[in-house]
Amino acid sequence: YKALNNIDLAEELYLKINKIDSSYIQAIYNYGNLKKQINDFKSAIKLYEEALKINNKHTTILFNLASAYQSIGDFKKSKEYVSQILKINPEDASAHKLMSSLTVYKENDNHLKEMENLIKNKKITNEQKIDLSFSLGKAYEDIGNFKESFNYLKQGNILKKGNTNYNIKDEKNLFKNIKKIFNEINLKDIKESSKNPQ
């Protein structure tokens, strides 16, 4: 129901599930996501914290909790949860990206060094490299090393472009076809037929 944007029905369903099994972590977590989706961050935080009582090492819940705290401006709390994620999984590039958005970097910052080492890891995916490239670009911008910042941002954009299947020729053909269809439509006939419905 959440996917269909029937928020009230989805909420009703989550509440029913919670009455049946109050320890069903997936339902609590998804109910938190629903609250986050409608910008009720305080309720989302309560639900994520409830879910963490069941499994305090669930990195997806920790990430959403950190993100919710960031949304309400509690950056200190957000950083605490991101740090927990990175202790559990030091290669979580999304967590590094979130941490970079919460950090104003200075020379020789430990997190900057961690990201530098991680991006050299040949086992990480392109998606991880993209997140790390943009994070490193932001970090180097913070410390005033604009050349290095530009290099990482450029690398991130190249990798991101490689992940998309966007083709400008397809877009041009689509608009060409739309224009052709509208040019073939006789608008005068449509106006006349709307004035004289049968």
C-alpha atoms as a PDB file:
ATOM      1  CA  TYR A   1       0.000   0.000   0.000  1.00  0.00           C
ATOM      2  CA  LYS A   2       2.909   2.329   0.700  1.00  0.00           C
ATOM      3  CA  ALA A   3       4.129   1.898  -2.879  1.00  0.00           C
ATOM      4  CA  LEU A   4       0.673   2.833  -4.116  1.00  0.00           C
ATOM      5  CA  ASN A   5       0.769   5.989  -1.964  1.00  0.00           C
ATOM      6  CA  ASN A   6      -2.127   4.794   0.149  1.00  0.00           C
ATOM      7  CA  ILE A   7      -0.434   6.004   3.318  1.00  0.00           C
ATOM      8  CA  ASP A   8      -3.428   5.631   5.636  1.00  0.00           C
ATOM      9  CA  LEU A   9      -4.050   2.032   4.623  1.00  0.00           C
ATOM     10  CA  ALA A  10      -0.339   1.188   4.886  1.00  0.00           C
ATOM     11  CA  GLU A  11      -0.204   2.691   8.375  1.00  0.00           C
ATOM     12  CA  GLU A  12      -3.299   0.731   9.409  1.00  0.00           C
ATOM     13  CA  LEU A  13      -1.680  -2.451   8.146  1.00  0.00           C
ATOM     14  CA  TYR A  14       1.576  -1.805  10.050  1.00  0.00           C
ATOM     15  CA  LEU A  15      -0.366  -1.176  13.248  1.00  0.00           C
ATOM     16  CA  LYS A  16      -2.277  -4.457  12.817  1.00  0.00           C
ATOM     17  CA  ILE A  17       0.955  -6.359  12.214  1.00  0.00           C
ATOM     18  CA  ASN A  18       2.477  -4.761  15.310  1.00  0.00           C
ATOM     19  CA  LYS A  19      -0.471  -5.934  17.426  1.00  0.00           C
ATOM     20  CA  ILE A  20       0.040  -9.483  16.159  1.00  0.00           C
ATOM     21  CA  ASP A  21       3.827  -9.502  16.598  1.00  0.00           C
ATOM     22  CA  SER A  22       5.440  -6.462  18.211  1.00  0.00           C
ATOM     23  CA  SER A  23       8.915  -7.879  17.586  1.00  0.00           C
ATOM     24  CA  TYR A  24       8.534  -8.209  13.811  1.00  0.00           C
ATOM     25  CA  ILE A  25      11.502  -6.016  12.921  1.00  0.00           C
ATOM     26  CA  GLN A  26      10.690  -5.652   9.221  1.00  0.00           C
ATOM     27  CA  ALA A  27       7.237  -4.240   9.945  1.00  0.00           C
ATOM     28  CA  ILE A  28       8.614  -1.784  12.527  1.00  0.00           C
ATOM     29  CA  TYR A  29      11.374  -0.720  10.140  1.00  0.00           C
ATOM     30  CA  ASN A  30       8.979  -0.300   7.211  1.00  0.00           C
ATOM     31  CA  TYR A  31       6.569   1.661   9.383  1.00  0.00           C
ATOM     32  CA  GLY A  32       9.524   3.924  10.196  1.00  0.00           C
ATOM     33  CA  ASN A  33      10.194   4.294   6.469  1.00  0.00           C
ATOM     34  CA  LEU A  34       6.555   5.254   5.952  1.00  0.00           C
ATOM     35  CA  LYS A  35       6.825   7.946   8.632  1.00  0.00           C
ATOM     36  CA  LYS A  36      10.081   9.181   7.096  1.00  0.00           C
ATOM     37  CA  GLN A  37       8.444   9.280   3.662  1.00  0.00           C
ATOM     38  CA  ILE A  38       5.757  11.665   4.963  1.00  0.00           C
ATOM     39  CA  ASN A  39       8.412  13.752   6.765  1.00  0.00           C
ATOM     40  CA  ASP A  40       7.328  12.669  10.237  1.00  0.00           C
ATOM     41  CA  PHE A  41      10.958  12.228  11.252  1.00  0.00           C
ATOM     42  CA  LYS A  42      10.374  12.140  15.002  1.00  0.00           C
ATOM     43  CA  SER A  43       7.980   9.186  14.672  1.00  0.00           C
ATOM     44  CA  ALA A  44      10.362   7.514  12.228  1.00  0.00           C
ATOM     45  CA  ILE A  45      13.202   7.889  14.732  1.00  0.00           C
ATOM     46  CA  LYS A  46      11.121   6.283  17.501  1.00  0.00           C
ATOM     47  CA  LEU A  47      10.283   3.343  15.239  1.00  0.00           C
ATOM     48  CA  TYR A  48      13.868   2.864  14.051  1.00  0.00           C
ATOM     49  CA  GLU A  49      15.085   2.980  17.664  1.00  0.00           C
ATOM     50  CA  GLU A  50      12.436   0.395  18.560  1.00  0.00           C
ATOM     51  CA  ALA A  51      13.682  -1.830  15.732  1.00  0.00           C
ATOM     52  CA  LEU A  52      17.295  -1.402  16.892  1.00  0.00           C
ATOM     53  CA  LYS A  53      16.327  -2.804  20.300  1.00  0.00           C
ATOM     54  CA  ILE A  54      15.600  -6.048  18.438  1.00  0.00           C
ATOM     55  CA  ASN A  55      18.781  -5.954  16.310  1.00  0.00           C
ATOM     56  CA  ASN A  56      21.301  -3.221  17.092  1.00  0.00           C
ATOM     57  CA  LYS A  57      23.644  -4.281  14.261  1.00  0.00           C
ATOM     58  CA  HIS A  58      21.131  -3.840  11.420  1.00  0.00           C
ATOM     59  CA  THR A  59      23.037  -1.356   9.239  1.00  0.00           C
ATOM     60  CA  THR A  60      20.048  -0.383   7.076  1.00  0.00           C
ATOM     61  CA  ILE A  61      18.092   0.649  10.159  1.00  0.00           C
ATOM     62  CA  LEU A  62      21.133   2.484  11.521  1.00  0.00           C
ATOM     63  CA  PHE A  63      21.513   4.303   8.191  1.00  0.00           C
ATOM     64  CA  ASN A  64      17.880   5.388   8.089  1.00  0.00           C
ATOM     65  CA  LEU A  65      18.082   6.485  11.707  1.00  0.00           C
ATOM     66  CA  ALA A  66      21.194   8.562  10.952  1.00  0.00           C
ATOM     67  CA  SER A  67      19.450  10.041   7.933  1.00  0.00           C
ATOM     68  CA  ALA A  68      16.339  10.904   9.962  1.00  0.00           C
ATOM     69  CA  TYR A  69      18.451  12.630  12.621  1.00  0.00           C
ATOM     70  CA  GLN A  70      20.209  14.563   9.861  1.00  0.00           C
ATOM     71  CA  SER A  71      16.800  15.637   8.528  1.00  0.00           C
ATOM     72  CA  ILE A  72      15.854  17.205  11.867  1.00  0.00           C
ATOM     73  CA  GLY A  73      19.249  18.875  12.202  1.00  0.00           C
ATOM     74  CA  ASP A  74      20.687  16.659  14.938  1.00  0.00           C
ATOM     75  CA  PHE A  75      24.015  16.141  13.191  1.00  0.00           C
ATOM     76  CA  LYS A  76      25.814  14.901  16.302  1.00  0.00           C
ATOM     77  CA  LYS A  77      23.327  12.036  16.752  1.00  0.00           C
ATOM     78  CA  SER A  78      23.436  11.332  13.023  1.00  0.00           C
ATOM     79  CA  LYS A  79      27.239  11.023  13.139  1.00  0.00           C
ATOM     80  CA  GLU A  80      26.999   8.637  16.101  1.00  0.00           C
ATOM     81  CA  TYR A  81      24.810   6.242  14.124  1.00  0.00           C
ATOM     82  CA  VAL A  82      26.976   6.512  10.990  1.00  0.00           C
ATOM     83  CA  SER A  83      30.009   5.688  13.145  1.00  0.00           C
ATOM     84  CA  GLN A  84      28.212   2.565  14.366  1.00  0.00           C
ATOM     85  CA  ILE A  85      27.616   1.490  10.765  1.00  0.00           C
ATOM     86  CA  LEU A  86      31.272   1.992   9.878  1.00  0.00           C
ATOM     87  CA  LYS A  87      32.362  -0.073  12.891  1.00  0.00           C
ATOM     88  CA  ILE A  88      30.139  -2.914  11.653  1.00  0.00           C
ATOM     89  CA  ASN A  89      31.027  -2.487   7.980  1.00  0.00           C
ATOM     90  CA  PRO A  90      34.000  -0.206   7.229  1.00  0.00           C
ATOM     91  CA  GLU A  91      33.365  -0.624   3.484  1.00  0.00           C
ATOM     92  CA  ASP A  92      29.831   0.810   3.546  1.00  0.00           C
ATOM     93  CA  ALA A  93      30.285   3.590   0.973  1.00  0.00           C
ATOM     94  CA  SER A  94      26.793   5.001   1.567  1.00  0.00           C
ATOM     95  CA  ALA A  95      27.674   5.482   5.231  1.00  0.00           C
ATOM     96  CA  HIS A  96      30.939   7.173   4.232  1.00  0.00           C
ATOM     97  CA  LYS A  97      28.966   9.455   1.924  1.00  0.00           C
ATOM     98  CA  LEU A  98      26.530  10.351   4.698  1.00  0.00           C
ATOM     99  CA  MET A  99      29.443  10.942   7.092  1.00  0.00           C
ATOM    100  CA  SER A 100      31.085  13.236   4.546  1.00  0.00           C
ATOM    101  CA  SER A 101      27.918  15.336   4.358  1.00  0.00           C
ATOM    102  CA  LEU A 102      28.044  15.724   8.150  1.00  0.00           C
ATOM    103  CA  THR A 103      31.749  16.565   8.374  1.00  0.00           C
ATOM    104  CA  VAL A 104      33.768  19.686   7.736  1.00  0.00           C
ATOM    105  CA  TYR A 105      37.173  18.252   6.880  1.00  0.00           C
ATOM    106  CA  LYS A 106      40.567  19.542   7.928  1.00  0.00           C
ATOM    107  CA  GLU A 107      44.056  18.432   6.846  1.00  0.00           C
ATOM    108  CA  ASN A 108      44.950  14.873   7.930  1.00  0.00           C
ATOM    109  CA  ASP A 109      41.370  13.980   8.872  1.00  0.00           C
ATOM    110  CA  ASN A 110      41.116  10.279   9.800  1.00  0.00           C
ATOM    111  CA  HIS A 111      37.858   9.767   7.889  1.00  0.00           C
ATOM    112  CA  LEU A 112      39.421  11.267   4.776  1.00  0.00           C
ATOM    113  CA  LYS A 113      42.288   8.764   5.060  1.00  0.00           C
ATOM    114  CA  GLU A 114      39.817   5.882   5.509  1.00  0.00           C
ATOM    115  CA  MET A 115      37.987   6.873   2.325  1.00  0.00           C
ATOM    116  CA  GLU A 116      41.287   7.261   0.438  1.00  0.00           C
ATOM    117  CA  ASN A 117      42.285   3.734   1.426  1.00  0.00           C
ATOM    118  CA  LEU A 118      38.875   2.277   0.647  1.00  0.00           C
ATOM    119  CA  ILE A 119      38.626   3.738  -2.853  1.00  0.00           C
ATOM    120  CA  LYS A 120      41.906   1.943  -3.698  1.00  0.00           C
ATOM    121  CA  ASN A 121      40.316  -1.408  -2.766  1.00  0.00           C
ATOM    122  CA  LYS A 122      39.868  -3.371  -5.995  1.00  0.00           C
ATOM    123  CA  LYS A 123      36.972  -5.362  -4.504  1.00  0.00           C
ATOM    124  CA  ILE A 124      34.551  -2.432  -4.161  1.00  0.00           C
ATOM    125  CA  THR A 125      31.784  -1.932  -6.714  1.00  0.00           C
ATOM    126  CA  ASN A 126      31.363   0.983  -9.095  1.00  0.00           C
ATOM    127  CA  GLU A 127      28.447   2.226  -6.968  1.00  0.00           C
ATOM    128  CA  GLN A 128      30.751   2.312  -3.944  1.00  0.00           C
ATOM    129  CA  LYS A 129      33.422   4.114  -5.979  1.00  0.00           C
ATOM    130  CA  ILE A 130      30.864   6.694  -7.085  1.00  0.00           C
ATOM    131  CA  ASP A 131      29.819   7.445  -3.490  1.00  0.00           C
ATOM    132  CA  LEU A 132      33.427   7.571  -2.344  1.00  0.00           C
ATOM    133  CA  SER A 133      34.504   9.781  -5.256  1.00  0.00           C
ATOM    134  CA  PHE A 134      31.855  12.387  -4.472  1.00  0.00           C
ATOM    135  CA  SER A 135      32.625  12.140  -0.744  1.00  0.00           C
ATOM    136  CA  LEU A 136      36.333  12.637  -1.347  1.00  0.00           C
ATOM    137  CA  GLY A 137      35.578  15.513  -3.704  1.00  0.00           C
ATOM    138  CA  LYS A 138      33.621  17.208  -0.931  1.00  0.00           C
ATOM    139  CA  ALA A 139      36.334  16.485   1.659  1.00  0.00           C
ATOM    140  CA  TYR A 140      39.118  17.950  -0.476  1.00  0.00           C
ATOM    141  CA  GLU A 141      36.981  20.994  -1.235  1.00  0.00           C
ATOM    142  CA  ASP A 142      36.579  21.516   2.528  1.00  0.00           C
ATOM    143  CA  ILE A 143      40.350  21.576   3.046  1.00  0.00           C
ATOM    144  CA  GLY A 144      40.902  23.841   0.046  1.00  0.00           C
ATOM    145  CA  ASN A 145      42.572  21.314  -2.257  1.00  0.00           C
ATOM    146  CA  PHE A 146      40.437  22.169  -5.270  1.00  0.00           C
ATOM    147  CA  LYS A 147      42.563  20.265  -7.785  1.00  0.00           C
ATOM    148  CA  GLU A 148      42.129  16.992  -5.877  1.00  0.00           C
ATOM    149  CA  SER A 149      38.458  17.816  -5.275  1.00  0.00           C
ATOM    150  CA  PHE A 150      37.909  18.339  -9.004  1.00  0.00           C
ATOM    151  CA  ASN A 151      39.687  15.064  -9.849  1.00  0.00           C
ATOM    152  CA  TYR A 152      37.455  13.050  -7.514  1.00  0.00           C
ATOM    153  CA  LEU A 153      34.275  14.802  -8.643  1.00  0.00           C
ATOM    154  CA  LYS A 154      35.248  14.194 -12.269  1.00  0.00           C
ATOM    155  CA  GLN A 155      35.954  10.518 -11.496  1.00  0.00           C
ATOM    156  CA  GLY A 156      32.566  10.180  -9.773  1.00  0.00           C
ATOM    157  CA  ASN A 157      30.760  11.742 -12.720  1.00  0.00           C
ATOM    158  CA  ILE A 158      32.546   9.520 -15.239  1.00  0.00           C
ATOM    159  CA  LEU A 159      31.655   6.413 -13.232  1.00  0.00           C
ATOM    160  CA  LYS A 160      28.067   7.595 -12.778  1.00  0.00           C
ATOM    161  CA  LYS A 161      27.698   8.317 -16.486  1.00  0.00           C
ATOM    162  CA  GLY A 162      28.964   4.804 -17.221  1.00  0.00           C
ATOM    163  CA  ASN A 163      26.203   3.369 -15.006  1.00  0.00           C
ATOM    164  CA  THR A 164      23.384   5.083 -16.874  1.00  0.00           C
ATOM    165  CA  ASN A 165      21.826   3.975 -20.123  1.00  0.00           C
ATOM    166  CA  TYR A 166      20.776   7.480 -21.090  1.00  0.00           C
ATOM    167  CA  ASN A 167      21.115   8.192 -24.777  1.00  0.00           C
ATOM    168  CA  ILE A 168      20.448  11.681 -26.098  1.00  0.00           C
ATOM    169  CA  LYS A 169      19.593  10.221 -29.537  1.00  0.00           C
ATOM    170  CA  ASP A 170      16.725   8.233 -27.986  1.00  0.00           C
ATOM    171  CA  GLU A 171      15.456  11.411 -26.333  1.00  0.00           C
ATOM    172  CA  LYS A 172      15.635  13.361 -29.596  1.00  0.00           C
ATOM    173  CA  ASN A 173      13.779  10.582 -31.449  1.00  0.00           C
ATOM    174  CA  LEU A 174      11.063  10.527 -28.791  1.00  0.00           C
ATOM    175  CA  PHE A 175      10.455  14.277 -29.096  1.00  0.00           C
ATOM    176  CA  LYS A 176      10.594  14.068 -32.886  1.00  0.00           C
ATOM    177  CA  ASN A 177       7.855  11.401 -32.795  1.00  0.00           C
ATOM    178  CA  ILE A 178       5.737  13.409 -30.354  1.00  0.00           C
ATOM    179  CA  LYS A 179       5.984  16.482 -32.591  1.00  0.00           C
ATOM    180  CA  LYS A 180       5.069  14.373 -35.626  1.00  0.00           C
ATOM    181  CA  ILE A 181       1.957  12.999 -33.905  1.00  0.00           C
ATOM    182  CA  PHE A 182       0.810  16.465 -32.873  1.00  0.00           C
ATOM    183  CA  ASN A 183       1.475  17.857 -36.348  1.00  0.00           C
ATOM    184  CA  GLU A 184      -0.706  15.096 -37.821  1.00  0.00           C
ATOM    185  CA  ILE A 185      -3.600  15.924 -35.512  1.00  0.00           C
ATOM    186  CA  ASN A 186      -6.047  18.373 -36.983  1.00  0.00           C
ATOM    187  CA  LEU A 187      -6.840  20.599 -34.020  1.00  0.00           C
ATOM    188  CA  LYS A 188      -9.711  22.308 -35.858  1.00  0.00           C
ATOM    189  CA  ASP A 189     -11.512  18.936 -36.161  1.00  0.00           C
ATOM    190  CA  ILE A 190     -11.018  18.284 -32.447  1.00  0.00           C
ATOM    191  CA  LYS A 191     -12.393  21.721 -31.515  1.00  0.00           C
ATOM    192  CA  GLU A 192     -15.419  21.239 -33.760  1.00  0.00           C
ATOM    193  CA  SER A 193     -16.153  17.748 -32.437  1.00  0.00           C
ATOM    194  CA  SER A 194     -15.967  18.979 -28.833  1.00  0.00           C
ATOM    195  CA  LYS A 195     -18.515  21.710 -29.640  1.00  0.00           C
ATOM    196  CA  ASN A 196     -20.904  19.223 -31.223  1.00  0.00           C
ATOM    197  CA  PRO A 197     -20.825  16.038 -29.106  1.00  0.00           C
ATOM    198  CA  GLN A 198     -22.863  13.198 -30.527  1.00  0.00           C
END
